[in-house]
Amino acid sequence: GGGGGGGGGERAGAGECRIKVAEFIGQGDTSRGGGGGASVSAAGHARGTKGQSQKEQKAVLDAFRHGSLNTIVATSIGEEGLDIPAVDLIVFFDVVDTIRTIQRMGRTGRARDGRVVVLALEGREAEKFTREKAKYDHLLKSLYDPGRNFQLCNDCPRMLPAGLNPHCSLQELGLTPEQVKAKREAEEHRLQSAGPGKGRRSHGGGGGGGV
């Protein structure tokens, strides 16, 4: 599940739930372990084993970006390809291998610092998490000195056409056009939620000069 969607401006009253959630599943996904029901379907009706269409998936992501949702419960489809800068919390409900863990962690911490929480049962699952965490730490450490820790192939045939000699340069990347658009739409949504006259300055008419 991902948390921390776009801005709201709304305050929950006494007893009001602050979590606004929807499911996000693949087009071919099924409800493993049983046929889901109203309790797991935040879209408003039981899907059983039916996946989501591309239109439904887009609607969920758009709602999350704009702030009308602040939590997404996703299957493994959420591990790759999602670009939602505002995600700042991810909760794993299972322990997976190092590569999948990195993919999942990559969904957060893009626009600001993020946090990852892993839920694991005592025993085998906790032991697996310890092993995979050790592999992850070893991989990060190895990447600091790739020439020493990896065997690089130096006799590979050239893949680029002759005459093209790219070089690496360190640059600070800003927001993508999609991120800028999402940020602008979130701000417009926040102003609309605040109501007329809020979040905007009123400009008084200054005295006119004579001619």
C-alpha atoms as a PDB file:
ATOM      1  CA  GLY A   1       0.000   0.000   0.000  1.00  0.00           C
ATOM      2  CA  GLY A   2       1.164   3.500  -0.746  1.00  0.00           C
ATOM      3  CA  GLY A   3       0.342   6.482   1.389  1.00  0.00           C
ATOM      4  CA  GLY A   4       0.673  10.244   1.309  1.00  0.00           C
ATOM      5  CA  GLY A   5      -1.202  11.429  -1.749  1.00  0.00           C
ATOM      6  CA  GLY A   6      -1.562  15.011  -2.951  1.00  0.00           C
ATOM      7  CA  GLY A   7      -2.631  17.801  -0.667  1.00  0.00           C
ATOM      8  CA  GLY A   8      -6.038  18.027   0.850  1.00  0.00           C
ATOM      9  CA  GLY A   9      -6.783  21.094   2.908  1.00  0.00           C
ATOM     10  CA  GLU A  10      -9.637  19.206   4.597  1.00  0.00           C
ATOM     11  CA  ARG A  11      -9.736  18.450   8.298  1.00  0.00           C
ATOM     12  CA  ALA A  12     -11.399  15.336   9.601  1.00  0.00           C
ATOM     13  CA  GLY A  13     -14.092  15.913  12.199  1.00  0.00           C
ATOM     14  CA  ALA A  14     -14.589  13.867  15.335  1.00  0.00           C
ATOM     15  CA  GLY A  15     -14.966  10.198  14.418  1.00  0.00           C
ATOM     16  CA  GLU A  16     -14.303  10.815  10.729  1.00  0.00           C
ATOM     17  CA  CYS A  17     -11.831   8.462   9.061  1.00  0.00           C
ATOM     18  CA  ARG A  18      -8.885  10.248   7.471  1.00  0.00           C
ATOM     19  CA  ILE A  19      -7.977   7.298   5.236  1.00  0.00           C
ATOM     20  CA  LYS A  20      -9.384   7.513   1.708  1.00  0.00           C
ATOM     21  CA  VAL A  21      -8.455   4.261   0.049  1.00  0.00           C
ATOM     22  CA  ALA A  22      -8.894   2.375  -3.225  1.00  0.00           C
ATOM     23  CA  GLU A  23      -7.520  -0.857  -4.618  1.00  0.00           C
ATOM     24  CA  PHE A  24      -5.089  -0.997  -7.530  1.00  0.00           C
ATOM     25  CA  ILE A  25      -4.777  -4.361  -9.275  1.00  0.00           C
ATOM     26  CA  GLY A  26      -3.682  -5.665 -12.650  1.00  0.00           C
ATOM     27  CA  GLN A  27      -5.988  -6.384 -15.547  1.00  0.00           C
ATOM     28  CA  GLY A  28      -5.324 -10.105 -15.199  1.00  0.00           C
ATOM     29  CA  ASP A  29      -5.051 -10.236 -11.410  1.00  0.00           C
ATOM     30  CA  THR A  30      -7.170 -12.570  -9.340  1.00  0.00           C
ATOM     31  CA  SER A  31      -7.976 -12.505  -5.654  1.00  0.00           C
ATOM     32  CA  ARG A  32      -5.482 -15.039  -4.325  1.00  0.00           C
ATOM     33  CA  GLY A  33      -6.571 -16.970  -1.310  1.00  0.00           C
ATOM     34  CA  GLY A  34     -10.269 -16.496  -1.906  1.00  0.00           C
ATOM     35  CA  GLY A  35     -12.770 -14.486  -3.863  1.00  0.00           C
ATOM     36  CA  GLY A  36     -12.622 -10.911  -2.559  1.00  0.00           C
ATOM     37  CA  GLY A  37     -15.698  -9.145  -1.427  1.00  0.00           C
ATOM     38  CA  ALA A  38     -17.083  -5.824  -0.379  1.00  0.00           C
ATOM     39  CA  SER A  39     -14.639  -5.732   2.530  1.00  0.00           C
ATOM     40  CA  VAL A  40     -11.645  -5.604   0.175  1.00  0.00           C
ATOM     41  CA  SER A  41     -13.178  -3.674  -2.683  1.00  0.00           C
ATOM     42  CA  ALA A  42     -12.821   0.045  -2.143  1.00  0.00           C
ATOM     43  CA  ALA A  43     -14.233   0.748  -5.585  1.00  0.00           C
ATOM     44  CA  GLY A  44     -17.735   0.223  -4.226  1.00  0.00           C
ATOM     45  CA  HIS A  45     -18.584  -3.294  -5.345  1.00  0.00           C
ATOM     46  CA  ALA A  46     -17.153  -6.790  -5.050  1.00  0.00           C
ATOM     47  CA  ARG A  47     -14.885  -7.710  -7.944  1.00  0.00           C
ATOM     48  CA  GLY A  48     -14.401 -11.365  -7.101  1.00  0.00           C
ATOM     49  CA  THR A  49     -11.579 -12.526  -9.381  1.00  0.00           C
ATOM     50  CA  LYS A  50     -11.995  -9.813 -12.006  1.00  0.00           C
ATOM     51  CA  GLY A  51      -9.054  -7.467 -12.586  1.00  0.00           C
ATOM     52  CA  GLN A  52      -9.212  -3.725 -13.240  1.00  0.00           C
ATOM     53  CA  SER A  53      -9.370  -2.208 -16.671  1.00  0.00           C
ATOM     54  CA  GLN A  54      -6.782   0.343 -17.779  1.00  0.00           C
ATOM     55  CA  LYS A  55      -9.417   3.051 -17.411  1.00  0.00           C
ATOM     56  CA  GLU A  56     -10.105   2.016 -13.807  1.00  0.00           C
ATOM     57  CA  GLN A  57      -6.388   1.938 -13.017  1.00  0.00           C
ATOM     58  CA  LYS A  58      -5.912   5.434 -14.437  1.00  0.00           C
ATOM     59  CA  ALA A  59      -8.871   6.752 -12.454  1.00  0.00           C
ATOM     60  CA  VAL A  60      -7.374   5.444  -9.200  1.00  0.00           C
ATOM     61  CA  LEU A  61      -3.950   6.975  -9.890  1.00  0.00           C
ATOM     62  CA  ASP A  62      -5.455  10.312 -10.948  1.00  0.00           C
ATOM     63  CA  ALA A  63      -7.538  10.436  -7.765  1.00  0.00           C
ATOM     64  CA  PHE A  64      -4.427   9.685  -5.706  1.00  0.00           C
ATOM     65  CA  ARG A  65      -2.388  12.376  -7.438  1.00  0.00           C
ATOM     66  CA  HIS A  66      -5.130  14.964  -6.972  1.00  0.00           C
ATOM     67  CA  GLY A  67      -5.624  14.181  -3.287  1.00  0.00           C
ATOM     68  CA  SER A  68      -9.145  12.729  -3.262  1.00  0.00           C
ATOM     69  CA  LEU A  69      -7.424   9.453  -2.271  1.00  0.00           C
ATOM     70  CA  ASN A  70      -4.506   9.231   0.124  1.00  0.00           C
ATOM     71  CA  THR A  71      -3.987   5.455   0.261  1.00  0.00           C
ATOM     72  CA  ILE A  72      -3.714   2.753  -2.391  1.00  0.00           C
ATOM     73  CA  VAL A  73      -3.813  -0.988  -1.663  1.00  0.00           C
ATOM     74  CA  ALA A  74      -1.994  -2.641  -4.550  1.00  0.00           C
ATOM     75  CA  THR A  75      -0.988  -6.085  -5.716  1.00  0.00           C
ATOM     76  CA  SER A  76       2.459  -6.705  -7.211  1.00  0.00           C
ATOM     77  CA  ILE A  77       1.490  -4.426 -10.113  1.00  0.00           C
ATOM     78  CA  GLY A  78       2.415  -1.559  -7.814  1.00  0.00           C
ATOM     79  CA  GLU A  79       6.069  -2.604  -7.781  1.00  0.00           C
ATOM     80  CA  GLU A  80       6.988  -1.186 -11.181  1.00  0.00           C
ATOM     81  CA  GLY A  81       6.192   1.693 -13.465  1.00  0.00           C
ATOM     82  CA  LEU A  82       4.252   3.926 -11.069  1.00  0.00           C
ATOM     83  CA  ASP A  83       5.399   7.540 -10.961  1.00  0.00           C
ATOM     84  CA  ILE A  84       3.639   9.235  -8.047  1.00  0.00           C
ATOM     85  CA  PRO A  85       6.058  11.750  -6.495  1.00  0.00           C
ATOM     86  CA  ALA A  86       3.896  12.419  -3.410  1.00  0.00           C
ATOM     87  CA  VAL A  87       4.148   8.871  -1.986  1.00  0.00           C
ATOM     88  CA  ASP A  88       5.935   9.024   1.371  1.00  0.00           C
ATOM     89  CA  LEU A  89       4.927   5.745   3.026  1.00  0.00           C
ATOM     90  CA  ILE A  90       4.890   2.170   1.723  1.00  0.00           C
ATOM     91  CA  VAL A  91       3.786  -0.841   3.781  1.00  0.00           C
ATOM     92  CA  PHE A  92       4.841  -4.357   2.713  1.00  0.00           C
ATOM     93  CA  PHE A  93       2.415  -7.072   3.758  1.00  0.00           C
ATOM     94  CA  ASP A  94       4.902  -9.793   2.816  1.00  0.00           C
ATOM     95  CA  VAL A  95       8.647 -10.369   2.571  1.00  0.00           C
ATOM     96  CA  VAL A  96      10.046 -10.582  -0.965  1.00  0.00           C
ATOM     97  CA  ASP A  97      13.494 -10.994  -2.504  1.00  0.00           C
ATOM     98  CA  THR A  98      16.041  -8.195  -2.751  1.00  0.00           C
ATOM     99  CA  ILE A  99      15.236  -7.130  -6.334  1.00  0.00           C
ATOM    100  CA  ARG A 100      11.504  -6.861  -5.689  1.00  0.00           C
ATOM    101  CA  THR A 101      12.201  -5.019  -2.451  1.00  0.00           C
ATOM    102  CA  ILE A 102      14.257  -2.421  -4.333  1.00  0.00           C
ATOM    103  CA  GLN A 103      11.499  -2.069  -6.921  1.00  0.00           C
ATOM    104  CA  ARG A 104       8.905  -1.535  -4.212  1.00  0.00           C
ATOM    105  CA  MET A 105      11.063   0.926  -2.298  1.00  0.00           C
ATOM    106  CA  GLY A 106      11.542   2.906  -5.514  1.00  0.00           C
ATOM    107  CA  ARG A 107       7.887   3.958  -5.385  1.00  0.00           C
ATOM    108  CA  THR A 108       8.555   6.318  -2.467  1.00  0.00           C
ATOM    109  CA  GLY A 109      10.979   9.089  -1.523  1.00  0.00           C
ATOM    110  CA  ARG A 110      10.855  10.817  -4.907  1.00  0.00           C
ATOM    111  CA  ALA A 111       9.546  14.253  -3.989  1.00  0.00           C
ATOM    112  CA  ARG A 112      10.496  14.097  -0.305  1.00  0.00           C
ATOM    113  CA  ASP A 113      11.893  11.652   2.242  1.00  0.00           C
ATOM    114  CA  GLY A 114       9.888   8.432   2.387  1.00  0.00           C
ATOM    115  CA  ARG A 115       9.471   5.550   4.793  1.00  0.00           C
ATOM    116  CA  VAL A 116       9.082   1.801   4.224  1.00  0.00           C
ATOM    117  CA  VAL A 117       7.447  -0.520   6.771  1.00  0.00           C
ATOM    118  CA  VAL A 118       7.684  -4.312   6.431  1.00  0.00           C
ATOM    119  CA  LEU A 119       5.189  -6.534   8.262  1.00  0.00           C
ATOM    120  CA  ALA A 120       6.630  -9.988   8.927  1.00  0.00           C
ATOM    121  CA  LEU A 121       5.603 -12.892  11.133  1.00  0.00           C
ATOM    122  CA  GLU A 122       8.041 -14.260  13.667  1.00  0.00           C
ATOM    123  CA  GLY A 123       9.894 -17.320  12.496  1.00  0.00           C
ATOM    124  CA  ARG A 124      10.564 -18.112   8.840  1.00  0.00           C
ATOM    125  CA  GLU A 125       9.237 -14.852   7.439  1.00  0.00           C
ATOM    126  CA  ALA A 126      11.267 -12.719   9.845  1.00  0.00           C
ATOM    127  CA  GLU A 127      14.347 -14.845   9.131  1.00  0.00           C
ATOM    128  CA  LYS A 128      13.823 -14.373   5.386  1.00  0.00           C
ATOM    129  CA  PHE A 129      13.606 -10.629   5.909  1.00  0.00           C
ATOM    130  CA  THR A 130      16.913 -10.665   7.809  1.00  0.00           C
ATOM    131  CA  ARG A 131      18.597 -12.603   4.981  1.00  0.00           C
ATOM    132  CA  GLU A 132      17.213 -10.360   2.239  1.00  0.00           C
ATOM    133  CA  LYS A 133      18.126  -7.222   4.205  1.00  0.00           C
ATOM    134  CA  ALA A 134      21.712  -8.492   4.492  1.00  0.00           C
ATOM    135  CA  LYS A 135      21.798  -9.096   0.708  1.00  0.00           C
ATOM    136  CA  TYR A 136      20.457  -5.589   0.098  1.00  0.00           C
ATOM    137  CA  ASP A 137      23.083  -4.001   2.364  1.00  0.00           C
ATOM    138  CA  HIS A 138      25.840  -6.051   0.672  1.00  0.00           C
ATOM    139  CA  LEU A 139      24.640  -4.957  -2.770  1.00  0.00           C
ATOM    140  CA  LEU A 140      24.691  -1.272  -1.798  1.00  0.00           C
ATOM    141  CA  LYS A 141      28.178  -1.637  -0.350  1.00  0.00           C
ATOM    142  CA  SER A 142      29.420  -3.431  -3.483  1.00  0.00           C
ATOM    143  CA  LEU A 143      28.119  -0.708  -5.780  1.00  0.00           C
ATOM    144  CA  TYR A 144      30.439   1.824  -4.150  1.00  0.00           C
ATOM    145  CA  ASP A 145      33.405  -0.053  -5.680  1.00  0.00           C
ATOM    146  CA  PRO A 146      32.108  -1.941  -8.752  1.00  0.00           C
ATOM    147  CA  GLY A 147      35.574  -2.581 -10.195  1.00  0.00           C
ATOM    148  CA  ARG A 148      36.523  -4.554  -7.115  1.00  0.00           C
ATOM    149  CA  ASN A 149      33.267  -6.406  -6.538  1.00  0.00           C
ATOM    150  CA  PHE A 150      32.083  -7.126 -10.084  1.00  0.00           C
ATOM    151  CA  GLN A 151      33.795  -8.800 -12.995  1.00  0.00           C
ATOM    152  CA  LEU A 152      33.454  -6.357 -15.871  1.00  0.00           C
ATOM    153  CA  CYS A 153      33.648  -7.505 -19.477  1.00  0.00           C
ATOM    154  CA  ASN A 154      36.171  -5.396 -21.392  1.00  0.00           C
ATOM    155  CA  ASP A 155      36.019  -7.092 -24.791  1.00  0.00           C
ATOM    156  CA  CYS A 156      32.355  -6.507 -25.614  1.00  0.00           C
ATOM    157  CA  PRO A 157      31.627  -5.457 -29.212  1.00  0.00           C
ATOM    158  CA  ARG A 158      30.771  -1.796 -29.630  1.00  0.00           C
ATOM    159  CA  MET A 159      26.998  -1.205 -29.493  1.00  0.00           C
ATOM    160  CA  LEU A 160      27.005   2.455 -30.589  1.00  0.00           C
ATOM    161  CA  PRO A 161      27.687   3.573 -34.154  1.00  0.00           C
ATOM    162  CA  ALA A 162      31.174   4.833 -34.917  1.00  0.00           C
ATOM    163  CA  GLY A 163      31.635   8.507 -34.178  1.00  0.00           C
ATOM    164  CA  LEU A 164      29.341   8.562 -31.143  1.00  0.00           C
ATOM    165  CA  ASN A 165      31.343   8.863 -27.932  1.00  0.00           C
ATOM    166  CA  PRO A 166      29.033   9.701 -25.017  1.00  0.00           C
ATOM    167  CA  HIS A 167      30.427  10.803 -21.680  1.00  0.00           C
ATOM    168  CA  CYS A 168      28.931  10.934 -18.206  1.00  0.00           C
ATOM    169  CA  SER A 169      28.112  14.226 -16.539  1.00  0.00           C
ATOM    170  CA  LEU A 170      26.636  14.841 -13.106  1.00  0.00           C
ATOM    171  CA  GLN A 171      23.485  16.938 -13.299  1.00  0.00           C
ATOM    172  CA  GLU A 172      20.695  17.757 -10.899  1.00  0.00           C
ATOM    173  CA  LEU A 173      17.363  16.742 -12.385  1.00  0.00           C
ATOM    174  CA  GLY A 174      14.219  18.716 -11.704  1.00  0.00           C
ATOM    175  CA  LEU A 175      10.601  17.655 -11.893  1.00  0.00           C
ATOM    176  CA  THR A 176       9.365  15.992 -15.065  1.00  0.00           C
ATOM    177  CA  PRO A 177       6.594  17.719 -17.066  1.00  0.00           C
ATOM    178  CA  GLU A 178       4.150  15.133 -15.709  1.00  0.00           C
ATOM    179  CA  GLN A 179       5.207  15.890 -12.136  1.00  0.00           C
ATOM    180  CA  VAL A 180       4.896  19.641 -12.700  1.00  0.00           C
ATOM    181  CA  LYS A 181       1.389  19.130 -14.097  1.00  0.00           C
ATOM    182  CA  ALA A 182       0.381  16.880 -11.195  1.00  0.00           C
ATOM    183  CA  LYS A 183       1.734  19.405  -8.686  1.00  0.00           C
ATOM    184  CA  ARG A 184      -0.192  22.245 -10.360  1.00  0.00           C
ATOM    185  CA  GLU A 185      -3.412  20.221 -10.439  1.00  0.00           C
ATOM    186  CA  ALA A 186      -2.993  19.276  -6.770  1.00  0.00           C
ATOM    187  CA  GLU A 187      -2.574  22.957  -5.863  1.00  0.00           C
ATOM    188  CA  GLU A 188      -5.684  23.893  -7.880  1.00  0.00           C
ATOM    189  CA  HIS A 189      -7.618  21.111  -6.140  1.00  0.00           C
ATOM    190  CA  ARG A 190      -6.443  22.400  -2.754  1.00  0.00           C
ATOM    191  CA  LEU A 191      -7.623  25.927  -3.549  1.00  0.00           C
ATOM    192  CA  GLN A 192     -11.006  24.631  -4.724  1.00  0.00           C
ATOM    193  CA  SER A 193     -11.377  22.559  -1.546  1.00  0.00           C
ATOM    194  CA  ALA A 194     -10.598  25.623   0.567  1.00  0.00           C
ATOM    195  CA  GLY A 195     -13.651  27.347  -0.873  1.00  0.00           C
ATOM    196  CA  PRO A 196     -14.103  30.816  -2.365  1.00  0.00           C
ATOM    197  CA  GLY A 197     -12.058  33.564  -0.794  1.00  0.00           C
ATOM    198  CA  LYS A 198      -9.644  31.168   0.956  1.00  0.00           C
ATOM    199  CA  GLY A 199      -6.046  30.768  -0.072  1.00  0.00           C
ATOM    200  CA  ARG A 200      -6.242  33.787  -2.333  1.00  0.00           C
ATOM    201  CA  ARG A 201      -5.458  37.405  -1.734  1.00  0.00           C
ATOM    202  CA  SER A 202      -7.982  40.085  -2.501  1.00  0.00           C
ATOM    203  CA  HIS A 203      -6.590  43.119  -4.179  1.00  0.00           C
ATOM    204  CA  GLY A 204      -8.093  46.410  -3.163  1.00  0.00           C
ATOM    205  CA  GLY A 205      -8.546  49.136  -5.702  1.00  0.00           C
ATOM    206  CA  GLY A 206      -6.006  51.868  -5.154  1.00  0.00           C
ATOM    207  CA  GLY A 207      -6.878  55.529  -5.508  1.00  0.00           C
ATOM    208  CA  GLY A 208      -6.668  56.861  -9.011  1.00  0.00           C
ATOM    209  CA  GLY A 209      -4.523  59.811  -9.943  1.00  0.00           C
ATOM    210  CA  GLY A 210      -5.758  62.858 -11.758  1.00  0.00           C
ATOM    211  CA  VAL A 211      -4.682  63.791 -15.214  1.00  0.00           C
END
